[in-house]
Amino acid sequence: MTSSTETGGVTGTPDKDYNLIWYVEACLSNALRLESYIQDAEREKDTEVADLFRKAQADSRKGAELGKGLLRARLDGS
């Protein structure tokens, strides 16, 4: 966790970019973790829970894609 005064001097990455990088990583990590949860639910033949986790996984993937697009544009200087 960065302090409230860290603005990139320590990390070399401005907070707004660091936060965006963190967000993308969190979304991707969540999508990966949900894959295990989906498999667990399917193994138990609980389609309701598996469907919930699939929807959450799709949202996480979408968030990651949106974040990657913003990050790409900002790091390219656009």
Protein backbone atom coordinates (compact mmCIF):
# COMPACT_ATOMS: atom_id res chain seq x y z
CA MET A 1 0.00 0.00 0.00
CA THR A 2 1.38 3.38 -0.94
CA SER A 3 1.30 6.25 1.52
CA SER A 4 -0.99 9.19 0.89
CA THR A 5 2.04 11.28 -0.12
CA GLU A 6 3.63 8.83 -2.60
CA THR A 7 3.24 10.21 -6.10
CA GLY A 8 5.70 8.02 -7.95
CA GLY A 9 8.97 9.18 -6.45
CA VAL A 10 9.56 5.87 -4.69
CA THR A 11 8.12 3.50 -7.29
CA GLY A 12 8.94 5.50 -10.40
CA THR A 13 5.32 5.10 -11.45
CA PRO A 14 2.76 7.87 -10.85
CA ASP A 15 0.01 6.80 -8.47
CA LYS A 16 -2.72 6.98 -11.12
CA ASP A 17 -0.75 4.61 -13.38
CA TYR A 18 0.19 2.35 -10.48
CA ASN A 19 -3.47 2.17 -9.45
CA LEU A 20 -4.49 1.27 -12.99
CA ILE A 21 -1.83 -1.45 -13.16
CA TRP A 22 -3.08 -2.80 -9.82
CA TYR A 23 -6.67 -2.78 -11.07
CA VAL A 24 -5.83 -4.77 -14.20
CA GLU A 25 -3.85 -7.30 -12.17
CA ALA A 26 -6.68 -7.64 -9.65
CA CYS A 27 -9.24 -8.23 -12.41
CA LEU A 28 -7.06 -10.86 -14.10
CA SER A 29 -6.30 -12.57 -10.79
CA ASN A 30 -9.99 -12.63 -9.96
CA ALA A 31 -10.86 -14.16 -13.34
CA LEU A 32 -8.25 -16.85 -12.78
CA ARG A 33 -9.45 -17.62 -9.25
CA LEU A 34 -13.06 -17.79 -10.41
CA GLU A 35 -12.09 -20.52 -12.89
CA SER A 36 -11.31 -22.78 -9.93
CA TYR A 37 -14.57 -21.85 -8.26
CA ILE A 38 -16.50 -22.62 -11.45
CA GLN A 39 -14.87 -26.04 -11.63
CA ASP A 40 -15.71 -26.69 -7.97
CA ALA A 41 -19.36 -25.78 -8.55
CA GLU A 42 -19.54 -27.92 -11.69
CA ARG A 43 -18.02 -30.87 -9.84
CA GLU A 44 -20.85 -30.51 -7.31
CA LYS A 45 -23.35 -30.11 -10.18
CA ASP A 46 -24.40 -26.70 -8.81
CA THR A 47 -25.17 -24.89 -12.05
CA GLU A 48 -26.67 -21.88 -10.28
CA VAL A 49 -23.41 -21.11 -8.48
CA ALA A 50 -21.32 -21.98 -11.55
CA ASP A 51 -23.39 -19.53 -13.63
CA LEU A 52 -22.94 -16.81 -11.01
CA PHE A 53 -19.18 -17.32 -11.05
CA ARG A 54 -19.12 -17.34 -14.88
CA LYS A 55 -20.89 -13.97 -14.91
CA ALA A 56 -18.46 -12.61 -12.33
CA GLN A 57 -15.54 -13.97 -14.36
CA ALA A 58 -16.85 -12.26 -17.51
CA ASP A 59 -17.14 -8.98 -15.60
CA SER A 60 -13.57 -9.37 -14.34
CA ARG A 61 -12.31 -10.03 -17.86
CA LYS A 62 -14.20 -6.99 -19.14
CA GLY A 63 -12.72 -4.83 -16.38
CA ALA A 64 -9.24 -6.07 -17.23
CA GLU A 65 -9.72 -5.30 -20.92
CA LEU A 66 -11.01 -1.81 -20.20
CA GLY A 67 -8.14 -1.19 -17.80
CA LYS A 68 -5.56 -2.49 -20.26
CA GLY A 69 -6.93 -0.18 -22.93
CA LEU A 70 -6.65 2.86 -20.67
CA LEU A 71 -3.22 1.84 -19.49
CA ARG A 72 -2.00 1.25 -23.05
CA ALA A 73 -3.21 4.69 -24.15
CA ARG A 74 -1.68 6.45 -21.17
CA LEU A 75 1.68 4.68 -21.38
CA ASP A 76 1.84 5.36 -25.13
CA GLY A 77 1.35 9.03 -24.32
CA SER A 78 -2.00 9.35 -26.07
